[in-house]
Amino acid sequence: MQKSYNQLYKESGTTLSYKDWRKREDEKMASFDAIPSPNIKDSANYQDLQKDLLVKQGYKTEISNKTVFGLNKYYLIIGGVLILSAIGYNIYKKRKS
């Protein structure tokens, strides 16, 4: 026997009001059924809201020439020079012996 929404709401122990909880549950069920949730993507401000959220989360929209794969390019250059000098020193050491 399937429980009613009222019983499920009481068992969930949520702090949301019944109306908000029911709306959230309906949206969850719609996402499971691959039915688009109403009024979310249809709003005119959806794109603006999405961009604002990305910016608030730290998403950078401008391209920076100071990093390569997320690392500062100066650190990569210094690391490359150190590795090449270590390889060169080992080759020099082996030829001298």
PDB file of N, CA and C in Angstrom:
ATOM      1  N   MET A   1       0.832  -1.172   0.000  1.00  0.00           N
ATOM      2  CA  MET A   1       0.000   0.000   0.000  1.00  0.00           C
ATOM      3  C   MET A   1       0.881   1.241   0.000  1.00  0.00           C
ATOM      4  N   GLN A   2       0.567   2.170  -0.848  1.00  0.00           N
ATOM      5  CA  GLN A   2       1.366   3.368  -0.981  1.00  0.00           C
ATOM      6  C   GLN A   2       0.917   4.418   0.038  1.00  0.00           C
ATOM      7  N   LYS A   3       1.904   5.110   0.615  1.00  0.00           N
ATOM      8  CA  LYS A   3       1.595   6.126   1.622  1.00  0.00           C
ATOM      9  C   LYS A   3       1.144   7.413   0.944  1.00  0.00           C
ATOM     10  N   SER A   4       0.361   8.185   1.681  1.00  0.00           N
ATOM     11  CA  SER A   4      -0.106   9.463   1.147  1.00  0.00           C
ATOM     12  C   SER A   4       1.014  10.503   1.282  1.00  0.00           C
ATOM     13  N   TYR A   5       0.870  11.594   0.554  1.00  0.00           N
ATOM     14  CA  TYR A   5       1.867  12.656   0.636  1.00  0.00           C
ATOM     15  C   TYR A   5       1.944  13.230   2.052  1.00  0.00           C
ATOM     16  N   ASN A   6       0.815  13.286   2.729  1.00  0.00           N
ATOM     17  CA  ASN A   6       0.794  13.812   4.086  1.00  0.00           C
ATOM     18  C   ASN A   6       1.624  12.938   5.013  1.00  0.00           C
ATOM     19  N   GLN A   7       1.503  11.613   4.884  1.00  0.00           N
ATOM     20  CA  GLN A   7       2.295  10.698   5.705  1.00  0.00           C
ATOM     21  C   GLN A   7       3.776  10.805   5.370  1.00  0.00           C
ATOM     22  N   LEU A   8       4.090  10.899   4.079  1.00  0.00           N
ATOM     23  CA  LEU A   8       5.488  11.039   3.674  1.00  0.00           C
ATOM     24  C   LEU A   8       6.090  12.337   4.196  1.00  0.00           C
ATOM     25  N   TYR A   9       5.294  13.411   4.190  1.00  0.00           N
ATOM     26  CA  TYR A   9       5.767  14.690   4.699  1.00  0.00           C
ATOM     27  C   TYR A   9       6.088  14.595   6.190  1.00  0.00           C
ATOM     28  N   LYS A  10       5.208  13.960   6.940  1.00  0.00           N
ATOM     29  CA  LYS A  10       5.436  13.834   8.380  1.00  0.00           C
ATOM     30  C   LYS A  10       6.650  12.963   8.672  1.00  0.00           C
ATOM     31  N   GLU A  11       6.866  11.921   7.885  1.00  0.00           N
ATOM     32  CA  GLU A  11       7.999  11.020   8.100  1.00  0.00           C
ATOM     33  C   GLU A  11       9.324  11.637   7.654  1.00  0.00           C
ATOM     34  N   SER A  12       9.280  12.598   6.748  1.00  0.00           N
ATOM     35  CA  SER A  12      10.523  13.169   6.228  1.00  0.00           C
ATOM     36  C   SER A  12      11.252  14.006   7.275  1.00  0.00           C
ATOM     37  N   GLY A  13      10.525  14.577   8.216  1.00  0.00           N
ATOM     38  CA  GLY A  13      11.142  15.374   9.266  1.00  0.00           C
ATOM     39  C   GLY A  13      11.751  16.665   8.737  1.00  0.00           C
ATOM     40  N   THR A  14      11.248  17.172   7.663  1.00  0.00           N
ATOM     41  CA  THR A  14      11.777  18.378   7.054  1.00  0.00           C
ATOM     42  C   THR A  14      11.319  19.625   7.783  1.00  0.00           C
ATOM     43  N   THR A  15      12.058  20.708   7.592  1.00  0.00           N
ATOM     44  CA  THR A  15      11.671  21.987   8.186  1.00  0.00           C
ATOM     45  C   THR A  15      10.887  22.839   7.201  1.00  0.00           C
ATOM     46  N   LEU A  16      10.722  22.346   5.989  1.00  0.00           N
ATOM     47  CA  LEU A  16       9.960  23.080   4.978  1.00  0.00           C
ATOM     48  C   LEU A  16       8.466  23.012   5.275  1.00  0.00           C
ATOM     49  N   SER A  17       7.744  23.983   4.771  1.00  0.00           N
ATOM     50  CA  SER A  17       6.293  23.915   4.878  1.00  0.00           C
ATOM     51  C   SER A  17       5.805  22.822   3.926  1.00  0.00           C
ATOM     52  N   TYR A  18       4.577  22.381   4.149  1.00  0.00           N
ATOM     53  CA  TYR A  18       4.048  21.306   3.307  1.00  0.00           C
ATOM     54  C   TYR A  18       4.018  21.720   1.845  1.00  0.00           C
ATOM     55  N   LYS A  19       3.642  22.963   1.590  1.00  0.00           N
ATOM     56  CA  LYS A  19       3.540  23.446   0.208  1.00  0.00           C
ATOM     57  C   LYS A  19       4.912  23.429  -0.473  1.00  0.00           C
ATOM     58  N   ASP A  20       5.939  23.929   0.227  1.00  0.00           N
ATOM     59  CA  ASP A  20       7.289  23.925  -0.339  1.00  0.00           C
ATOM     60  C   ASP A  20       7.825  22.500  -0.504  1.00  0.00           C
ATOM     61  N   TRP A  21       7.567  21.654   0.488  1.00  0.00           N
ATOM     62  CA  TRP A  21       8.020  20.265   0.411  1.00  0.00           C
ATOM     63  C   TRP A  21       7.366  19.545  -0.764  1.00  0.00           C
ATOM     64  N   ARG A  22       6.073  19.762  -0.933  1.00  0.00           N
ATOM     65  CA  ARG A  22       5.339  19.118  -2.034  1.00  0.00           C
ATOM     66  C   ARG A  22       5.852  19.598  -3.391  1.00  0.00           C
ATOM     67  N   LYS A  23       6.146  20.891  -3.501  1.00  0.00           N
ATOM     68  CA  LYS A  23       6.689  21.430  -4.754  1.00  0.00           C
ATOM     69  C   LYS A  23       8.044  20.798  -5.056  1.00  0.00           C
ATOM     70  N   ARG A  24       8.892  20.676  -4.032  1.00  0.00           N
ATOM     71  CA  ARG A  24      10.199  20.044  -4.216  1.00  0.00           C
ATOM     72  C   ARG A  24      10.067  18.585  -4.630  1.00  0.00           C
ATOM     73  N   GLU A  25       9.160  17.867  -3.996  1.00  0.00           N
ATOM     74  CA  GLU A  25       8.955  16.457  -4.344  1.00  0.00           C
ATOM     75  C   GLU A  25       8.426  16.307  -5.769  1.00  0.00           C
ATOM     76  N   ASP A  26       7.509  17.183  -6.157  1.00  0.00           N
ATOM     77  CA  ASP A  26       6.992  17.134  -7.528  1.00  0.00           C
ATOM     78  C   ASP A  26       8.093  17.401  -8.541  1.00  0.00           C
ATOM     79  N   GLU A  27       8.980  18.357  -8.231  1.00  0.00           N
ATOM     80  CA  GLU A  27      10.100  18.634  -9.136  1.00  0.00           C
ATOM     81  C   GLU A  27      11.046  17.439  -9.214  1.00  0.00           C
ATOM     82  N   LYS A  28      11.268  16.774  -8.089  1.00  0.00           N
ATOM     83  CA  LYS A  28      12.125  15.583  -8.113  1.00  0.00           C
ATOM     84  C   LYS A  28      11.513  14.489  -8.964  1.00  0.00           C
ATOM     85  N   MET A  29      10.232  14.263  -8.788  1.00  0.00           N
ATOM     86  CA  MET A  29       9.573  13.217  -9.570  1.00  0.00           C
ATOM     87  C   MET A  29       9.552  13.576 -11.047  1.00  0.00           C
ATOM     88  N   ALA A  30       9.384  14.842 -11.368  1.00  0.00           N
ATOM     89  CA  ALA A  30       9.395  15.269 -12.770  1.00  0.00           C
ATOM     90  C   ALA A  30      10.771  15.050 -13.373  1.00  0.00           C
ATOM     91  N   SER A  31      11.822  15.268 -12.589  1.00  0.00           N
ATOM     92  CA  SER A  31      13.164  15.063 -13.132  1.00  0.00           C
ATOM     93  C   SER A  31      13.431  13.576 -13.342  1.00  0.00           C
ATOM     94  N   PHE A  32      12.848  12.697 -12.523  1.00  0.00           N
ATOM     95  CA  PHE A  32      13.016  11.258 -12.719  1.00  0.00           C
ATOM     96  C   PHE A  32      12.265  10.782 -13.955  1.00  0.00           C
ATOM     97  N   ASP A  33      11.150  11.416 -14.245  1.00  0.00           N
ATOM     98  CA  ASP A  33      10.333  11.020 -15.390  1.00  0.00           C
ATOM     99  C   ASP A  33      10.758  11.715 -16.679  1.00  0.00           C
ATOM    100  N   ALA A  34      11.813  12.497 -16.607  1.00  0.00           N
ATOM    101  CA  ALA A  34      12.341  13.250 -17.756  1.00  0.00           C
ATOM    102  C   ALA A  34      11.327  14.258 -18.279  1.00  0.00           C
ATOM    103  N   ILE A  35      10.530  14.771 -17.386  1.00  0.00           N
ATOM    104  CA  ILE A  35       9.578  15.829 -17.736  1.00  0.00           C
ATOM    105  C   ILE A  35      10.195  17.129 -17.247  1.00  0.00           C
ATOM    106  N   PRO A  36      10.332  18.106 -18.108  1.00  0.00           N
ATOM    107  CA  PRO A  36      10.937  19.364 -17.652  1.00  0.00           C
ATOM    108  C   PRO A  36      10.075  20.035 -16.592  1.00  0.00           C
ATOM    109  N   SER A  37      10.733  20.552 -15.573  1.00  0.00           N
ATOM    110  CA  SER A  37       9.976  21.211 -14.522  1.00  0.00           C
ATOM    111  C   SER A  37       9.444  22.539 -15.040  1.00  0.00           C
ATOM    112  N   PRO A  38       8.242  22.878 -14.691  1.00  0.00           N
ATOM    113  CA  PRO A  38       7.611  24.082 -15.244  1.00  0.00           C
ATOM    114  C   PRO A  38       8.198  25.354 -14.671  1.00  0.00           C
ATOM    115  N   ASN A  39       8.189  26.392 -15.481  1.00  0.00           N
ATOM    116  CA  ASN A  39       8.516  27.762 -15.091  1.00  0.00           C
ATOM    117  C   ASN A  39       9.958  27.981 -14.666  1.00  0.00           C
ATOM    118  N   ILE A  40      10.817  27.007 -14.794  1.00  0.00           N
ATOM    119  CA  ILE A  40      12.208  27.232 -14.420  1.00  0.00           C
ATOM    120  C   ILE A  40      12.995  27.722 -15.621  1.00  0.00           C
ATOM    121  N   LYS A  41      12.994  26.946 -16.686  1.00  0.00           N
ATOM    122  CA  LYS A  41      13.767  27.330 -17.858  1.00  0.00           C
ATOM    123  C   LYS A  41      12.967  28.231 -18.793  1.00  0.00           C
ATOM    124  N   ASP A  42      11.697  28.384 -18.538  1.00  0.00           N
ATOM    125  CA  ASP A  42      10.873  29.224 -19.388  1.00  0.00           C
ATOM    126  C   ASP A  42      10.979  30.700 -19.024  1.00  0.00           C
ATOM    127  N   SER A  43      11.526  30.991 -17.864  1.00  0.00           N
ATOM    128  CA  SER A  43      11.571  32.392 -17.448  1.00  0.00           C
ATOM    129  C   SER A  43      12.593  33.160 -18.278  1.00  0.00           C
ATOM    130  N   ALA A  44      12.342  34.430 -18.452  1.00  0.00           N
ATOM    131  CA  ALA A  44      13.215  35.278 -19.269  1.00  0.00           C
ATOM    132  C   ALA A  44      14.551  35.526 -18.583  1.00  0.00           C
ATOM    133  N   ASN A  45      14.580  35.434 -17.286  1.00  0.00           N
ATOM    134  CA  ASN A  45      15.802  35.724 -16.540  1.00  0.00           C
ATOM    135  C   ASN A  45      16.629  34.482 -16.245  1.00  0.00           C
ATOM    136  N   TYR A  46      16.260  33.352 -16.805  1.00  0.00           N
ATOM    137  CA  TYR A  46      16.957  32.102 -16.479  1.00  0.00           C
ATOM    138  C   TYR A  46      18.433  32.170 -16.839  1.00  0.00           C
ATOM    139  N   GLN A  47      18.759  32.651 -18.038  1.00  0.00           N
ATOM    140  CA  GLN A  47      20.153  32.730 -18.465  1.00  0.00           C
ATOM    141  C   GLN A  47      20.938  33.677 -17.560  1.00  0.00           C
ATOM    142  N   ASP A  48      20.343  34.805 -17.210  1.00  0.00           N
ATOM    143  CA  ASP A  48      21.022  35.762 -16.338  1.00  0.00           C
ATOM    144  C   ASP A  48      21.254  35.171 -14.956  1.00  0.00           C
ATOM    145  N   LEU A  49      20.271  34.481 -14.433  1.00  0.00           N
ATOM    146  CA  LEU A  49      20.420  33.854 -13.126  1.00  0.00           C
ATOM    147  C   LEU A  49      21.505  32.790 -13.143  1.00  0.00           C
ATOM    148  N   GLN A  50      21.544  32.024 -14.221  1.00  0.00           N
ATOM    149  CA  GLN A  50      22.551  30.974 -14.331  1.00  0.00           C
ATOM    150  C   GLN A  50      23.956  31.570 -14.384  1.00  0.00           C
ATOM    151  N   LYS A  51      24.135  32.646 -15.145  1.00  0.00           N
ATOM    152  CA  LYS A  51      25.441  33.306 -15.218  1.00  0.00           C
ATOM    153  C   LYS A  51      25.835  33.896 -13.871  1.00  0.00           C
ATOM    154  N   ASP A  52      24.895  34.508 -13.177  1.00  0.00           N
ATOM    155  CA  ASP A  52      25.186  35.073 -11.863  1.00  0.00           C
ATOM    156  C   ASP A  52      25.619  33.991 -10.886  1.00  0.00           C
ATOM    157  N   LEU A  53      24.954  32.846 -10.922  1.00  0.00           N
ATOM    158  CA  LEU A  53      25.338  31.748 -10.037  1.00  0.00           C
ATOM    159  C   LEU A  53      26.735  31.247 -10.351  1.00  0.00           C
ATOM    160  N   LEU A  54      27.074  31.137 -11.622  1.00  0.00           N
ATOM    161  CA  LEU A  54      28.413  30.681 -11.997  1.00  0.00           C
ATOM    162  C   LEU A  54      29.475  31.659 -11.520  1.00  0.00           C
ATOM    163  N   VAL A  55      29.226  32.944 -11.651  1.00  0.00           N
ATOM    164  CA  VAL A  55      30.190  33.949 -11.212  1.00  0.00           C
ATOM    165  C   VAL A  55      30.350  33.897  -9.698  1.00  0.00           C
ATOM    166  N   LYS A  56      29.245  33.732  -8.970  1.00  0.00           N
ATOM    167  CA  LYS A  56      29.316  33.654  -7.509  1.00  0.00           C
ATOM    168  C   LYS A  56      30.065  32.409  -7.049  1.00  0.00           C
ATOM    169  N   GLN A  57      30.036  31.343  -7.841  1.00  0.00           N
ATOM    170  CA  GLN A  57      30.724  30.112  -7.480  1.00  0.00           C
ATOM    171  C   GLN A  57      32.198  30.141  -7.863  1.00  0.00           C
ATOM    172  N   GLY A  58      32.648  31.221  -8.515  1.00  0.00           N
ATOM    173  CA  GLY A  58      34.052  31.348  -8.839  1.00  0.00           C
ATOM    174  C   GLY A  58      34.389  31.038 -10.280  1.00  0.00           C
ATOM    175  N   TYR A  59      33.407  30.871 -11.124  1.00  0.00           N
ATOM    176  CA  TYR A  59      33.642  30.603 -12.532  1.00  0.00           C
ATOM    177  C   TYR A  59      34.123  31.888 -13.199  1.00  0.00           C
ATOM    178  N   LYS A  60      35.260  31.797 -13.887  1.00  0.00           N
ATOM    179  CA  LYS A  60      35.822  32.979 -14.526  1.00  0.00           C
ATOM    180  C   LYS A  60      35.423  32.999 -15.987  1.00  0.00           C
ATOM    181  N   THR A  61      34.897  34.124 -16.411  1.00  0.00           N
ATOM    182  CA  THR A  61      34.448  34.252 -17.795  1.00  0.00           C
ATOM    183  C   THR A  61      35.545  34.809 -18.694  1.00  0.00           C
ATOM    184  N   GLU A  62      36.531  35.482 -18.113  1.00  0.00           N
ATOM    185  CA  GLU A  62      37.613  36.055 -18.896  1.00  0.00           C
ATOM    186  C   GLU A  62      38.780  35.077 -18.963  1.00  0.00           C
ATOM    187  N   ILE A  63      39.449  35.034 -20.108  1.00  0.00           N
ATOM    188  CA  ILE A  63      40.589  34.141 -20.291  1.00  0.00           C
ATOM    189  C   ILE A  63      41.838  34.836 -19.768  1.00  0.00           C
ATOM    190  N   SER A  64      42.589  34.125 -18.943  1.00  0.00           N
ATOM    191  CA  SER A  64      43.813  34.668 -18.382  1.00  0.00           C
ATOM    192  C   SER A  64      45.002  33.998 -19.060  1.00  0.00           C
ATOM    193  N   ASN A  65      45.972  34.778 -19.468  1.00  0.00           N
ATOM    194  CA  ASN A  65      47.175  34.227 -20.092  1.00  0.00           C
ATOM    195  C   ASN A  65      48.258  33.938 -19.065  1.00  0.00           C
ATOM    196  N   LYS A  66      47.937  34.004 -17.793  1.00  0.00           N
ATOM    197  CA  LYS A  66      48.921  33.784 -16.742  1.00  0.00           C
ATOM    198  C   LYS A  66      49.005  32.332 -16.298  1.00  0.00           C
ATOM    199  N   THR A  67      48.085  31.486 -16.734  1.00  0.00           N
ATOM    200  CA  THR A  67      48.084  30.097 -16.288  1.00  0.00           C
ATOM    201  C   THR A  67      48.056  29.140 -17.472  1.00  0.00           C
ATOM    202  N   VAL A  68      48.602  27.949 -17.231  1.00  0.00           N
ATOM    203  CA  VAL A  68      48.543  26.842 -18.174  1.00  0.00           C
ATOM    204  C   VAL A  68      48.056  25.639 -17.376  1.00  0.00           C
ATOM    205  N   PHE A  69      46.936  25.057 -17.777  1.00  0.00           N
ATOM    206  CA  PHE A  69      46.311  23.945 -17.053  1.00  0.00           C
ATOM    207  C   PHE A  69      46.066  24.308 -15.592  1.00  0.00           C
ATOM    208  N   GLY A  70      45.779  25.569 -15.304  1.00  0.00           N
ATOM    209  CA  GLY A  70      45.468  26.010 -13.950  1.00  0.00           C
ATOM    210  C   GLY A  70      46.683  26.323 -13.109  1.00  0.00           C
ATOM    211  N   LEU A  71      47.887  26.166 -13.651  1.00  0.00           N
ATOM    212  CA  LEU A  71      49.110  26.464 -12.914  1.00  0.00           C
ATOM    213  C   LEU A  71      49.741  27.731 -13.470  1.00  0.00           C
ATOM    214  N   ASN A  72      50.341  28.507 -12.585  1.00  0.00           N
ATOM    215  CA  ASN A  72      50.998  29.730 -13.008  1.00  0.00           C
ATOM    216  C   ASN A  72      52.127  29.375 -13.966  1.00  0.00           C
ATOM    217  N   LYS A  73      52.213  30.069 -15.099  1.00  0.00           N
ATOM    218  CA  LYS A  73      53.185  29.699 -16.126  1.00  0.00           C
ATOM    219  C   LYS A  73      54.620  29.914 -15.648  1.00  0.00           C
ATOM    220  N   TYR A  74      54.856  30.840 -14.727  1.00  0.00           N
ATOM    221  CA  TYR A  74      56.202  31.051 -14.206  1.00  0.00           C
ATOM    222  C   TYR A  74      56.676  29.858 -13.381  1.00  0.00           C
ATOM    223  N   TYR A  75      55.776  29.243 -12.634  1.00  0.00           N
ATOM    224  CA  TYR A  75      56.132  28.034 -11.888  1.00  0.00           C
ATOM    225  C   TYR A  75      56.486  26.899 -12.837  1.00  0.00           C
ATOM    226  N   LEU A  76      55.749  26.791 -13.925  1.00  0.00           N
ATOM    227  CA  LEU A  76      56.045  25.747 -14.907  1.00  0.00           C
ATOM    228  C   LEU A  76      57.398  25.982 -15.569  1.00  0.00           C
ATOM    229  N   ILE A  77      57.730  27.229 -15.873  1.00  0.00           N
ATOM    230  CA  ILE A  77      59.025  27.535 -16.484  1.00  0.00           C
ATOM    231  C   ILE A  77      60.161  27.219 -15.515  1.00  0.00           C
ATOM    232  N   ILE A  78      60.022  27.631 -14.261  1.00  0.00           N
ATOM    233  CA  ILE A  78      61.060  27.366 -13.254  1.00  0.00           C
ATOM    234  C   ILE A  78      61.213  25.859 -13.041  1.00  0.00           C
ATOM    235  N   GLY A  79      60.094  25.146 -12.962  1.00  0.00           N
ATOM    236  CA  GLY A  79      60.150  23.688 -12.804  1.00  0.00           C
ATOM    237  C   GLY A  79      60.809  23.028 -14.003  1.00  0.00           C
ATOM    238  N   GLY A  80      60.506  23.495 -15.206  1.00  0.00           N
ATOM    239  CA  GLY A  80      61.118  22.936 -16.405  1.00  0.00           C
ATOM    240  C   GLY A  80      62.617  23.171 -16.436  1.00  0.00           C
ATOM    241  N   VAL A  81      63.042  24.371 -16.046  1.00  0.00           N
ATOM    242  CA  VAL A  81      64.477  24.687 -16.004  1.00  0.00           C
ATOM    243  C   VAL A  81      65.181  23.796 -14.987  1.00  0.00           C
ATOM    244  N   LEU A  82      64.586  23.595 -13.829  1.00  0.00           N
ATOM    245  CA  LEU A  82      65.198  22.725 -12.814  1.00  0.00           C
ATOM    246  C   LEU A  82      65.324  21.282 -13.306  1.00  0.00           C
ATOM    247  N   ILE A  83      64.287  20.781 -13.950  1.00  0.00           N
ATOM    248  CA  ILE A  83      64.327  19.402 -14.461  1.00  0.00           C
ATOM    249  C   ILE A  83      65.376  19.261 -15.557  1.00  0.00           C
ATOM    250  N   LEU A  84      65.420  20.217 -16.484  1.00  0.00           N
ATOM    251  CA  LEU A  84      66.409  20.161 -17.558  1.00  0.00           C
ATOM    252  C   LEU A  84      67.830  20.299 -17.025  1.00  0.00           C
ATOM    253  N   SER A  85      68.033  21.137 -16.026  1.00  0.00           N
ATOM    254  CA  SER A  85      69.378  21.273 -15.453  1.00  0.00           C
ATOM    255  C   SER A  85      69.791  20.009 -14.715  1.00  0.00           C
ATOM    256  N   ALA A  86      68.848  19.334 -14.044  1.00  0.00           N
ATOM    257  CA  ALA A  86      69.172  18.076 -13.374  1.00  0.00           C
ATOM    258  C   ALA A  86      69.523  16.997 -14.391  1.00  0.00           C
ATOM    259  N   ILE A  87      68.799  16.933 -15.480  1.00  0.00           N
ATOM    260  CA  ILE A  87      69.104  15.952 -16.540  1.00  0.00           C
ATOM    261  C   ILE A  87      70.454  16.278 -17.168  1.00  0.00           C
ATOM    262  N   GLY A  88      70.711  17.547 -17.440  1.00  0.00           N
ATOM    263  CA  GLY A  88      72.003  17.959 -18.006  1.00  0.00           C
ATOM    264  C   GLY A  88      73.156  17.650 -17.075  1.00  0.00           C
ATOM    265  N   TYR A  89      72.976  17.865 -15.789  1.00  0.00           N
ATOM    266  CA  TYR A  89      74.029  17.567 -14.816  1.00  0.00           C
ATOM    267  C   TYR A  89      74.324  16.068 -14.777  1.00  0.00           C
ATOM    268  N   ASN A  90      73.271  15.236 -14.832  1.00  0.00           N
ATOM    269  CA  ASN A  90      73.493  13.791 -14.824  1.00  0.00           C
ATOM    270  C   ASN A  90      74.213  13.336 -16.092  1.00  0.00           C
ATOM    271  N   ILE A  91      73.869  13.903 -17.232  1.00  0.00           N
ATOM    272  CA  ILE A  91      74.564  13.547 -18.480  1.00  0.00           C
ATOM    273  C   ILE A  91      76.023  13.988 -18.399  1.00  0.00           C
ATOM    274  N   TYR A  92      76.287  15.187 -17.903  1.00  0.00           N
ATOM    275  CA  TYR A  92      77.660  15.677 -17.740  1.00  0.00           C
ATOM    276  C   TYR A  92      78.442  14.789 -16.795  1.00  0.00           C
ATOM    277  N   LYS A  93      77.824  14.379 -15.708  1.00  0.00           N
ATOM    278  CA  LYS A  93      78.480  13.545 -14.693  1.00  0.00           C
ATOM    279  C   LYS A  93      78.859  12.176 -15.278  1.00  0.00           C
ATOM    280  N   LYS A  94      77.962  11.589 -16.102  1.00  0.00           N
ATOM    281  CA  LYS A  94      78.224  10.283 -16.695  1.00  0.00           C
ATOM    282  C   LYS A  94      79.314  10.371 -17.760  1.00  0.00           C
ATOM    283  N   ARG A  95      79.377  11.423 -18.542  1.00  0.00           N
ATOM    284  CA  ARG A  95      80.411  11.575 -19.562  1.00  0.00           C
ATOM    285  C   ARG A  95      81.792  11.837 -18.956  1.00  0.00           C
ATOM    286  N   LYS A  96      81.837  12.521 -17.838  1.00  0.00           N
ATOM    287  CA  LYS A  96      83.102  12.837 -17.183  1.00  0.00           C
ATOM    288  C   LYS A  96      83.713  11.575 -16.605  1.00  0.00           C
ATOM    289  N   SER A  97      82.918  10.615 -16.151  1.00  0.00           N
ATOM    290  CA  SER A  97      83.433   9.393 -15.517  1.00  0.00           C
ATOM    291  C   SER A  97      83.988   8.435 -16.507  1.00  0.00           C
TER     292      SER A  97
END
